[in-house]
Amino acid sequence: MQFIVYGVAGKSMLVDVEVGEEFSLEFEGVKVMGSIETDEKGFEVAVRELKSRYKEFQPVDEVVMRKFVFKGKVGDVEELLPAEPVEEFARRFVENHVVVLKG
């Protein structure tokens, strides 16, 4: 399953992994290790923390499926970051930003 993890080194990262599966990769020159977990309360905490650090992540409030988080390390820092399935992001984007004109 593909997820967008918001706020990894100040950016959004795409990862293809199953829920609960550990992964390790390099992103923007930083080692990222952890997993995507189901944690609804953690999602809310992660969103608050992310928005306090990076104002450009205000749109993460629009995430409908608010239950996935990244738990792990970015560099040497323990992180809890909001995550969203790419399929849900695409659905939300189309519903909110694409106008279909019929002739």
PDB file of N, CA and C in Angstrom:
ATOM      1  N   MET A   1       0.847  -1.168   0.000  1.00  0.00           N
ATOM      2  CA  MET A   1       0.000   0.000   0.000  1.00  0.00           C
ATOM      3  C   MET A   1       0.897   1.238   0.000  1.00  0.00           C
ATOM      4  N   GLN A   2       0.509   2.259  -0.718  1.00  0.00           N
ATOM      5  CA  GLN A   2       1.302   3.483  -0.767  1.00  0.00           C
ATOM      6  C   GLN A   2       0.729   4.527   0.187  1.00  0.00           C
ATOM      7  N   PHE A   3       1.635   5.187   0.921  1.00  0.00           N
ATOM      8  CA  PHE A   3       1.259   6.220   1.874  1.00  0.00           C
ATOM      9  C   PHE A   3       2.060   7.482   1.601  1.00  0.00           C
ATOM     10  N   ILE A   4       1.449   8.627   1.903  1.00  0.00           N
ATOM     11  CA  ILE A   4       2.158   9.891   1.974  1.00  0.00           C
ATOM     12  C   ILE A   4       2.397  10.139   3.453  1.00  0.00           C
ATOM     13  N   VAL A   5       3.644  10.373   3.824  1.00  0.00           N
ATOM     14  CA  VAL A   5       3.991  10.732   5.196  1.00  0.00           C
ATOM     15  C   VAL A   5       4.302  12.218   5.181  1.00  0.00           C
ATOM     16  N   TYR A   6       3.586  12.987   5.972  1.00  0.00           N
ATOM     17  CA  TYR A   6       3.729  14.437   5.983  1.00  0.00           C
ATOM     18  C   TYR A   6       4.758  14.883   7.015  1.00  0.00           C
ATOM     19  N   GLY A   7       5.670  15.766   6.599  1.00  0.00           N
ATOM     20  CA  GLY A   7       6.593  16.387   7.530  1.00  0.00           C
ATOM     21  C   GLY A   7       7.929  15.707   7.713  1.00  0.00           C
ATOM     22  N   VAL A   8       8.310  14.816   6.818  1.00  0.00           N
ATOM     23  CA  VAL A   8       9.624  14.167   6.909  1.00  0.00           C
ATOM     24  C   VAL A   8      10.662  15.180   6.427  1.00  0.00           C
ATOM     25  N   ALA A   9      11.493  15.647   7.354  1.00  0.00           N
ATOM     26  CA  ALA A   9      12.495  16.673   7.034  1.00  0.00           C
ATOM     27  C   ALA A   9      11.838  17.885   6.355  1.00  0.00           C
ATOM     28  N   GLY A  10      10.605  18.204   6.778  1.00  0.00           N
ATOM     29  CA  GLY A  10       9.895  19.363   6.246  1.00  0.00           C
ATOM     30  C   GLY A  10       9.214  19.155   4.915  1.00  0.00           C
ATOM     31  N   LYS A  11       9.163  17.913   4.446  1.00  0.00           N
ATOM     32  CA  LYS A  11       8.552  17.609   3.148  1.00  0.00           C
ATOM     33  C   LYS A  11       7.593  16.434   3.284  1.00  0.00           C
ATOM     34  N   SER A  12       6.929  16.113   2.193  1.00  0.00           N
ATOM     35  CA  SER A  12       6.055  14.937   2.158  1.00  0.00           C
ATOM     36  C   SER A  12       6.781  13.808   1.439  1.00  0.00           C
ATOM     37  N   MET A  13       6.722  12.615   2.002  1.00  0.00           N
ATOM     38  CA  MET A  13       7.445  11.459   1.475  1.00  0.00           C
ATOM     39  C   MET A  13       6.444  10.380   1.089  1.00  0.00           C
ATOM     40  N   LEU A  14       6.691   9.740  -0.037  1.00  0.00           N
ATOM     41  CA  LEU A  14       5.879   8.619  -0.502  1.00  0.00           C
ATOM     42  C   LEU A  14       6.591   7.324  -0.130  1.00  0.00           C
ATOM     43  N   VAL A  15       5.848   6.395   0.464  1.00  0.00           N
ATOM     44  CA  VAL A  15       6.424   5.104   0.831  1.00  0.00           C
ATOM     45  C   VAL A  15       5.439   4.004   0.465  1.00  0.00           C
ATOM     46  N   ASP A  16       5.951   2.898  -0.035  1.00  0.00           N
ATOM     47  CA  ASP A  16       5.139   1.751  -0.419  1.00  0.00           C
ATOM     48  C   ASP A  16       5.443   0.629   0.574  1.00  0.00           C
ATOM     49  N   VAL A  17       4.529   0.434   1.533  1.00  0.00           N
ATOM     50  CA  VAL A  17       4.766  -0.512   2.620  1.00  0.00           C
ATOM     51  C   VAL A  17       3.424  -0.925   3.207  1.00  0.00           C
ATOM     52  N   GLU A  18       3.374  -2.099   3.799  1.00  0.00           N
ATOM     53  CA  GLU A  18       2.159  -2.555   4.475  1.00  0.00           C
ATOM     54  C   GLU A  18       2.126  -1.977   5.893  1.00  0.00           C
ATOM     55  N   VAL A  19       0.947  -1.777   6.427  1.00  0.00           N
ATOM     56  CA  VAL A  19       0.786  -1.279   7.788  1.00  0.00           C
ATOM     57  C   VAL A  19       1.490  -2.229   8.751  1.00  0.00           C
ATOM     58  N   GLY A  20       2.309  -1.664   9.626  1.00  0.00           N
ATOM     59  CA  GLY A  20       3.035  -2.440  10.619  1.00  0.00           C
ATOM     60  C   GLY A  20       4.374  -2.981  10.156  1.00  0.00           C
ATOM     61  N   GLU A  21       4.677  -2.870   8.871  1.00  0.00           N
ATOM     62  CA  GLU A  21       5.932  -3.386   8.307  1.00  0.00           C
ATOM     63  C   GLU A  21       7.040  -2.346   8.466  1.00  0.00           C
ATOM     64  N   GLU A  22       8.168  -2.756   9.047  1.00  0.00           N
ATOM     65  CA  GLU A  22       9.311  -1.860   9.223  1.00  0.00           C
ATOM     66  C   GLU A  22       9.955  -1.564   7.866  1.00  0.00           C
ATOM     67  N   PHE A  23      10.429  -0.342   7.699  1.00  0.00           N
ATOM     68  CA  PHE A  23      11.168   0.016   6.487  1.00  0.00           C
ATOM     69  C   PHE A  23      12.298   0.970   6.836  1.00  0.00           C
ATOM     70  N   SER A  24      13.256   1.050   5.934  1.00  0.00           N
ATOM     71  CA  SER A  24      14.394   1.949   6.084  1.00  0.00           C
ATOM     72  C   SER A  24      14.760   2.458   4.699  1.00  0.00           C
ATOM     73  N   LEU A  25      14.930   3.776   4.575  1.00  0.00           N
ATOM     74  CA  LEU A  25      15.300   4.349   3.283  1.00  0.00           C
ATOM     75  C   LEU A  25      15.951   5.706   3.475  1.00  0.00           C
ATOM     76  N   GLU A  26      16.560   6.206   2.418  1.00  0.00           N
ATOM     77  CA  GLU A  26      17.131   7.552   2.398  1.00  0.00           C
ATOM     78  C   GLU A  26      16.124   8.472   1.743  1.00  0.00           C
ATOM     79  N   PHE A  27      15.873   9.630   2.370  1.00  0.00           N
ATOM     80  CA  PHE A  27      14.960  10.621   1.816  1.00  0.00           C
ATOM     81  C   PHE A  27      15.576  11.992   2.024  1.00  0.00           C
ATOM     82  N   GLU A  28      15.816  12.693   0.929  1.00  0.00           N
ATOM     83  CA  GLU A  28      16.411  14.027   1.000  1.00  0.00           C
ATOM     84  C   GLU A  28      17.719  14.012   1.800  1.00  0.00           C
ATOM     85  N   GLY A  29      18.491  12.928   1.646  1.00  0.00           N
ATOM     86  CA  GLY A  29      19.779  12.821   2.325  1.00  0.00           C
ATOM     87  C   GLY A  29      19.705  12.441   3.794  1.00  0.00           C
ATOM     88  N   VAL A  30      18.524  12.062   4.268  1.00  0.00           N
ATOM     89  CA  VAL A  30      18.325  11.703   5.674  1.00  0.00           C
ATOM     90  C   VAL A  30      17.837  10.260   5.744  1.00  0.00           C
ATOM     91  N   LYS A  31      18.382   9.491   6.689  1.00  0.00           N
ATOM     92  CA  LYS A  31      17.926   8.118   6.872  1.00  0.00           C
ATOM     93  C   LYS A  31      16.593   8.127   7.619  1.00  0.00           C
ATOM     94  N   VAL A  32      15.608   7.420   7.054  1.00  0.00           N
ATOM     95  CA  VAL A  32      14.272   7.314   7.640  1.00  0.00           C
ATOM     96  C   VAL A  32      14.018   5.842   7.945  1.00  0.00           C
ATOM     97  N   MET A  33      13.710   5.540   9.210  1.00  0.00           N
ATOM     98  CA  MET A  33      13.446   4.164   9.635  1.00  0.00           C
ATOM     99  C   MET A  33      12.188   4.164  10.488  1.00  0.00           C
ATOM    100  N   GLY A  34      11.303   3.216  10.234  1.00  0.00           N
ATOM    101  CA  GLY A  34      10.101   3.125  11.057  1.00  0.00           C
ATOM    102  C   GLY A  34       9.033   2.306  10.381  1.00  0.00           C
ATOM    103  N   SER A  35       7.785   2.610  10.715  1.00  0.00           N
ATOM    104  CA  SER A  35       6.659   1.888  10.143  1.00  0.00           C
ATOM    105  C   SER A  35       5.431   2.789  10.123  1.00  0.00           C
ATOM    106  N   ILE A  36       4.463   2.393   9.318  1.00  0.00           N
ATOM    107  CA  ILE A  36       3.154   3.035   9.295  1.00  0.00           C
ATOM    108  C   ILE A  36       2.268   2.235  10.227  1.00  0.00           C
ATOM    109  N   GLU A  37       1.633   2.918  11.162  1.00  0.00           N
ATOM    110  CA  GLU A  37       0.790   2.252  12.154  1.00  0.00           C
ATOM    111  C   GLU A  37      -0.606   2.862  12.139  1.00  0.00           C
ATOM    112  N   THR A  38      -1.576   2.117  12.640  1.00  0.00           N
ATOM    113  CA  THR A  38      -2.925   2.624  12.834  1.00  0.00           C
ATOM    114  C   THR A  38      -2.997   3.182  14.249  1.00  0.00           C
ATOM    115  N   ASP A  39      -3.266   4.497  14.354  1.00  0.00           N
ATOM    116  CA  ASP A  39      -3.284   5.152  15.660  1.00  0.00           C
ATOM    117  C   ASP A  39      -4.044   6.467  15.525  1.00  0.00           C
ATOM    118  N   GLU A  40      -5.363   6.425  15.740  1.00  0.00           N
ATOM    119  CA  GLU A  40      -6.197   7.615  15.544  1.00  0.00           C
ATOM    120  C   GLU A  40      -5.829   8.745  16.495  1.00  0.00           C
ATOM    121  N   LYS A  41      -5.600   8.440  17.761  1.00  0.00           N
ATOM    122  CA  LYS A  41      -5.208   9.486  18.712  1.00  0.00           C
ATOM    123  C   LYS A  41      -3.837  10.033  18.357  1.00  0.00           C
ATOM    124  N   GLY A  42      -2.931   9.154  17.954  1.00  0.00           N
ATOM    125  CA  GLY A  42      -1.602   9.580  17.541  1.00  0.00           C
ATOM    126  C   GLY A  42      -1.645  10.491  16.333  1.00  0.00           C
ATOM    127  N   PHE A  43      -2.590  10.245  15.419  1.00  0.00           N
ATOM    128  CA  PHE A  43      -2.724  11.086  14.235  1.00  0.00           C
ATOM    129  C   PHE A  43      -3.009  12.528  14.649  1.00  0.00           C
ATOM    130  N   GLU A  44      -3.940  12.721  15.566  1.00  0.00           N
ATOM    131  CA  GLU A  44      -4.294  14.073  16.005  1.00  0.00           C
ATOM    132  C   GLU A  44      -3.101  14.763  16.666  1.00  0.00           C
ATOM    133  N   VAL A  45      -2.366  14.048  17.494  1.00  0.00           N
ATOM    134  CA  VAL A  45      -1.167  14.597  18.136  1.00  0.00           C
ATOM    135  C   VAL A  45      -0.136  14.965  17.073  1.00  0.00           C
ATOM    136  N   ALA A  46       0.073  14.075  16.105  1.00  0.00           N
ATOM    137  CA  ALA A  46       1.056  14.297  15.052  1.00  0.00           C
ATOM    138  C   ALA A  46       0.701  15.517  14.209  1.00  0.00           C
ATOM    139  N   VAL A  47      -0.583  15.705  13.909  1.00  0.00           N
ATOM    140  CA  VAL A  47      -1.010  16.864  13.118  1.00  0.00           C
ATOM    141  C   VAL A  47      -0.739  18.157  13.879  1.00  0.00           C
ATOM    142  N   ARG A  48      -1.085  18.201  15.147  1.00  0.00           N
ATOM    143  CA  ARG A  48      -0.847  19.412  15.951  1.00  0.00           C
ATOM    144  C   ARG A  48       0.631  19.765  15.983  1.00  0.00           C
ATOM    145  N   GLU A  49       1.471  18.761  16.226  1.00  0.00           N
ATOM    146  CA  GLU A  49       2.910  18.995  16.299  1.00  0.00           C
ATOM    147  C   GLU A  49       3.461  19.444  14.941  1.00  0.00           C
ATOM    148  N   LEU A  50       3.022  18.792  13.877  1.00  0.00           N
ATOM    149  CA  LEU A  50       3.494  19.128  12.533  1.00  0.00           C
ATOM    150  C   LEU A  50       3.138  20.573  12.181  1.00  0.00           C
ATOM    151  N   LYS A  51       1.898  20.966  12.436  1.00  0.00           N
ATOM    152  CA  LYS A  51       1.462  22.327  12.106  1.00  0.00           C
ATOM    153  C   LYS A  51       2.168  23.375  12.958  1.00  0.00           C
ATOM    154  N   SER A  52       2.569  23.016  14.162  1.00  0.00           N
ATOM    155  CA  SER A  52       3.300  23.972  14.987  1.00  0.00           C
ATOM    156  C   SER A  52       4.722  24.188  14.473  1.00  0.00           C
ATOM    157  N   ARG A  53       5.282  23.189  13.816  1.00  0.00           N
ATOM    158  CA  ARG A  53       6.638  23.297  13.258  1.00  0.00           C
ATOM    159  C   ARG A  53       6.663  23.892  11.858  1.00  0.00           C
ATOM    160  N   TYR A  54       5.677  23.529  11.033  1.00  0.00           N
ATOM    161  CA  TYR A  54       5.668  23.921   9.623  1.00  0.00           C
ATOM    162  C   TYR A  54       4.299  24.471   9.243  1.00  0.00           C
ATOM    163  N   LYS A  55       4.208  25.753   9.038  1.00  0.00           N
ATOM    164  CA  LYS A  55       2.920  26.380   8.681  1.00  0.00           C
ATOM    165  C   LYS A  55       2.379  25.877   7.345  1.00  0.00           C
ATOM    166  N   GLU A  56       3.261  25.493   6.414  1.00  0.00           N
ATOM    167  CA  GLU A  56       2.811  25.048   5.100  1.00  0.00           C
ATOM    168  C   GLU A  56       2.042  23.727   5.140  1.00  0.00           C
ATOM    169  N   PHE A  57       2.027  23.048   6.287  1.00  0.00           N
ATOM    170  CA  PHE A  57       1.286  21.795   6.391  1.00  0.00           C
ATOM    171  C   PHE A  57      -0.132  21.991   6.931  1.00  0.00           C
ATOM    172  N   GLN A  58      -0.644  23.216   6.944  1.00  0.00           N
ATOM    173  CA  GLN A  58      -2.025  23.483   7.370  1.00  0.00           C
ATOM    174  C   GLN A  58      -3.038  22.635   6.589  1.00  0.00           C
ATOM    175  N   PRO A  59      -2.847  22.404   5.274  1.00  0.00           N
ATOM    176  CA  PRO A  59      -3.830  21.601   4.525  1.00  0.00           C
ATOM    177  C   PRO A  59      -3.987  20.158   5.013  1.00  0.00           C
ATOM    178  N   VAL A  60      -3.097  19.670   5.865  1.00  0.00           N
ATOM    179  CA  VAL A  60      -3.235  18.312   6.374  1.00  0.00           C
ATOM    180  C   VAL A  60      -4.526  18.185   7.201  1.00  0.00           C
ATOM    181  N   ASP A  61      -5.108  19.323   7.598  1.00  0.00           N
ATOM    182  CA  ASP A  61      -6.406  19.297   8.288  1.00  0.00           C
ATOM    183  C   ASP A  61      -7.497  18.700   7.409  1.00  0.00           C
ATOM    184  N   GLU A  62      -7.310  18.729   6.093  1.00  0.00           N
ATOM    185  CA  GLU A  62      -8.311  18.214   5.158  1.00  0.00           C
ATOM    186  C   GLU A  62      -8.305  16.694   5.040  1.00  0.00           C
ATOM    187  N   VAL A  63      -7.312  16.033   5.619  1.00  0.00           N
ATOM    188  CA  VAL A  63      -7.225  14.572   5.552  1.00  0.00           C
ATOM    189  C   VAL A  63      -8.482  13.972   6.176  1.00  0.00           C
ATOM    190  N   VAL A  64      -9.150  13.117   5.433  1.00  0.00           N
ATOM    191  CA  VAL A  64     -10.399  12.509   5.897  1.00  0.00           C
ATOM    192  C   VAL A  64     -10.112  11.235   6.710  1.00  0.00           C
ATOM    193  N   MET A  65      -9.250  10.375   6.185  1.00  0.00           N
ATOM    194  CA  MET A  65      -8.923   9.121   6.869  1.00  0.00           C
ATOM    195  C   MET A  65      -7.808   9.407   7.882  1.00  0.00           C
ATOM    196  N   ARG A  66      -8.206   9.817   9.083  1.00  0.00           N
ATOM    197  CA  ARG A  66      -7.280  10.312  10.105  1.00  0.00           C
ATOM    198  C   ARG A  66      -6.899   9.195  11.075  1.00  0.00           C
ATOM    199  N   LYS A  67      -6.230   8.178  10.562  1.00  0.00           N
ATOM    200  CA  LYS A  67      -5.892   7.077  11.470  1.00  0.00           C
ATOM    201  C   LYS A  67      -4.502   6.493  11.283  1.00  0.00           C
ATOM    202  N   PHE A  68      -3.737   6.961  10.299  1.00  0.00           N
ATOM    203  CA  PHE A  68      -2.415   6.385  10.066  1.00  0.00           C
ATOM    204  C   PHE A  68      -1.316   7.363  10.480  1.00  0.00           C
ATOM    205  N   VAL A  69      -0.265   6.829  11.074  1.00  0.00           N
ATOM    206  CA  VAL A  69       0.893   7.627  11.455  1.00  0.00           C
ATOM    207  C   VAL A  69       2.166   6.889  11.093  1.00  0.00           C
ATOM    208  N   PHE A  70       3.218   7.658  10.881  1.00  0.00           N
ATOM    209  CA  PHE A  70       4.560   7.111  10.778  1.00  0.00           C
ATOM    210  C   PHE A  70       5.155   7.180  12.176  1.00  0.00           C
ATOM    211  N   LYS A  71       5.670   6.053  12.661  1.00  0.00           N
ATOM    212  CA  LYS A  71       6.380   6.007  13.934  1.00  0.00           C
ATOM    213  C   LYS A  71       7.779   5.515  13.641  1.00  0.00           C
ATOM    214  N   GLY A  72       8.763   6.326  13.991  1.00  0.00           N
ATOM    215  CA  GLY A  72      10.134   5.907  13.750  1.00  0.00           C
ATOM    216  C   GLY A  72      11.105   7.045  13.914  1.00  0.00           C
ATOM    217  N   LYS A  73      12.211   6.953  13.183  1.00  0.00           N
ATOM    218  CA  LYS A  73      13.272   7.954  13.261  1.00  0.00           C
ATOM    219  C   LYS A  73      13.489   8.612  11.907  1.00  0.00           C
ATOM    220  N   VAL A  74      13.684   9.907  11.961  1.00  0.00           N
ATOM    221  CA  VAL A  74      14.124  10.686  10.805  1.00  0.00           C
ATOM    222  C   VAL A  74      15.472  11.245  11.215  1.00  0.00           C
ATOM    223  N   GLY A  75      16.536  10.719  10.596  1.00  0.00           N
ATOM    224  CA  GLY A  75      17.873  11.010  11.098  1.00  0.00           C
ATOM    225  C   GLY A  75      18.002  10.355  12.457  1.00  0.00           C
ATOM    226  N   ASP A  76      18.373  11.132  13.458  1.00  0.00           N
ATOM    227  CA  ASP A  76      18.506  10.609  14.822  1.00  0.00           C
ATOM    228  C   ASP A  76      17.337  11.011  15.719  1.00  0.00           C
ATOM    229  N   VAL A  77      16.289  11.583  15.129  1.00  0.00           N
ATOM    230  CA  VAL A  77      15.171  12.123  15.904  1.00  0.00           C
ATOM    231  C   VAL A  77      13.963  11.191  15.826  1.00  0.00           C
ATOM    232  N   GLU A  78      13.435  10.798  16.995  1.00  0.00           N
ATOM    233  CA  GLU A  78      12.192  10.020  17.042  1.00  0.00           C
ATOM    234  C   GLU A  78      11.052  10.901  16.562  1.00  0.00           C
ATOM    235  N   GLU A  79      10.220  10.381  15.673  1.00  0.00           N
ATOM    236  CA  GLU A  79       9.127  11.165  15.104  1.00  0.00           C
ATOM    237  C   GLU A  79       7.816  10.382  15.129  1.00  0.00           C
ATOM    238  N   LEU A  80       6.731  11.119  15.265  1.00  0.00           N
ATOM    239  CA  LEU A  80       5.376  10.637  15.071  1.00  0.00           C
ATOM    240  C   LEU A  80       4.776  11.613  14.074  1.00  0.00           C
ATOM    241  N   LEU A  81       4.527  11.137  12.843  1.00  0.00           N
ATOM    242  CA  LEU A  81       4.074  12.016  11.764  1.00  0.00           C
ATOM    243  C   LEU A  81       2.784  11.493  11.148  1.00  0.00           C
ATOM    244  N   PRO A  82       1.903  12.393  10.713  1.00  0.00           N
ATOM    245  CA  PRO A  82       0.669  11.944  10.067  1.00  0.00           C
ATOM    246  C   PRO A  82       0.958  11.300   8.715  1.00  0.00           C
ATOM    247  N   ALA A  83       0.158  10.296   8.387  1.00  0.00           N
ATOM    248  CA  ALA A  83       0.292   9.603   7.099  1.00  0.00           C
ATOM    249  C   ALA A  83      -1.101   9.423   6.502  1.00  0.00           C
ATOM    250  N   GLU A  84      -1.142   9.302   5.180  1.00  0.00           N
ATOM    251  CA  GLU A  84      -2.412   9.157   4.473  1.00  0.00           C
ATOM    252  C   GLU A  84      -2.217   8.215   3.292  1.00  0.00           C
ATOM    253  N   PRO A  85      -3.123   7.264   3.096  1.00  0.00           N
ATOM    254  CA  PRO A  85      -3.018   6.419   1.905  1.00  0.00           C
ATOM    255  C   PRO A  85      -3.096   7.288   0.639  1.00  0.00           C
ATOM    256  N   VAL A  86      -2.259   6.997  -0.334  1.00  0.00           N
ATOM    257  CA  VAL A  86      -2.238   7.768  -1.577  1.00  0.00           C
ATOM    258  C   VAL A  86      -3.606   7.729  -2.258  1.00  0.00           C
ATOM    259  N   GLU A  87      -4.274   6.590  -2.201  1.00  0.00           N
ATOM    260  CA  GLU A  87      -5.598   6.466  -2.817  1.00  0.00           C
ATOM    261  C   GLU A  87      -6.587   7.465  -2.202  1.00  0.00           C
ATOM    262  N   GLU A  88      -6.534   7.634  -0.888  1.00  0.00           N
ATOM    263  CA  GLU A  88      -7.412   8.592  -0.219  1.00  0.00           C
ATOM    264  C   GLU A  88      -7.034  10.028  -0.574  1.00  0.00           C
ATOM    265  N   PHE A  89      -5.724  10.293  -0.656  1.00  0.00           N
ATOM    266  CA  PHE A  89      -5.265  11.622  -1.063  1.00  0.00           C
ATOM    267  C   PHE A  89      -5.795  11.958  -2.456  1.00  0.00           C
ATOM    268  N   ALA A  90      -5.682  11.010  -3.389  1.00  0.00           N
ATOM    269  CA  ALA A  90      -6.137  11.234  -4.763  1.00  0.00           C
ATOM    270  C   ALA A  90      -7.644  11.491  -4.798  1.00  0.00           C
ATOM    271  N   ARG A  91      -8.407  10.705  -4.046  1.00  0.00           N
ATOM    272  CA  ARG A  91      -9.859  10.888  -3.994  1.00  0.00           C
ATOM    273  C   ARG A  91     -10.193  12.284  -3.448  1.00  0.00           C
ATOM    274  N   ARG A  92      -9.540  12.665  -2.362  1.00  0.00           N
ATOM    275  CA  ARG A  92      -9.768  13.975  -1.749  1.00  0.00           C
ATOM    276  C   ARG A  92      -9.396  15.096  -2.706  1.00  0.00           C
ATOM    277  N   PHE A  93      -8.289  14.943  -3.400  1.00  0.00           N
ATOM    278  CA  PHE A  93      -7.839  15.963  -4.351  1.00  0.00           C
ATOM    279  C   PHE A  93      -8.866  16.145  -5.467  1.00  0.00           C
ATOM    280  N   VAL A  94      -9.321  15.048  -6.042  1.00  0.00           N
ATOM    281  CA  VAL A  94     -10.298  15.120  -7.137  1.00  0.00           C
ATOM    282  C   VAL A  94     -11.601  15.742  -6.638  1.00  0.00           C
ATOM    283  N   GLU A  95     -12.077  15.315  -5.473  1.00  0.00           N
ATOM    284  CA  GLU A  95     -13.336  15.851  -4.956  1.00  0.00           C
ATOM    285  C   GLU A  95     -13.254  17.337  -4.638  1.00  0.00           C
ATOM    286  N   ASN A  96     -12.104  17.804  -4.170  1.00  0.00           N
ATOM    287  CA  ASN A  96     -11.971  19.187  -3.721  1.00  0.00           C
ATOM    288  C   ASN A  96     -11.381  20.152  -4.746  1.00  0.00           C
ATOM    289  N   HIS A  97     -10.678  19.635  -5.763  1.00  0.00           N
ATOM    290  CA  HIS A  97      -9.927  20.541  -6.618  1.00  0.00           C
ATOM    291  C   HIS A  97     -10.141  20.367  -8.124  1.00  0.00           C
ATOM    292  N   VAL A  98     -10.868  19.369  -8.527  1.00  0.00           N
ATOM    293  CA  VAL A  98     -11.034  19.136  -9.947  1.00  0.00           C
ATOM    294  C   VAL A  98     -12.482  19.437 -10.342  1.00  0.00           C
ATOM    295  N   VAL A  99     -12.628  20.295 -11.324  1.00  0.00           N
ATOM    296  CA  VAL A  99     -13.949  20.641 -11.828  1.00  0.00           C
ATOM    297  C   VAL A  99     -14.150  19.907 -13.135  1.00  0.00           C
ATOM    298  N   VAL A 100     -15.236  19.170 -13.223  1.00  0.00           N
ATOM    299  CA  VAL A 100     -15.550  18.428 -14.449  1.00  0.00           C
ATOM    300  C   VAL A 100     -16.591  19.230 -15.217  1.00  0.00           C
ATOM    301  N   LEU A 101     -16.267  19.601 -16.426  1.00  0.00           N
ATOM    302  CA  LEU A 101     -17.187  20.357 -17.270  1.00  0.00           C
ATOM    303  C   LEU A 101     -17.858  19.403 -18.265  1.00  0.00           C
ATOM    304  N   LYS A 102     -19.149  19.464 -18.341  1.00  0.00           N
ATOM    305  CA  LYS A 102     -19.867  18.636 -19.297  1.00  0.00           C
ATOM    306  C   LYS A 102     -20.441  19.544 -20.365  1.00  0.00           C
ATOM    307  N   GLY A 103     -20.299  19.146 -21.621  1.00  0.00           N
ATOM    308  CA  GLY A 103     -20.724  20.021 -22.712  1.00  0.00           C
ATOM    309  C   GLY A 103     -22.023  19.673 -23.312  1.00  0.00           C
TER     310      GLY A 103
END
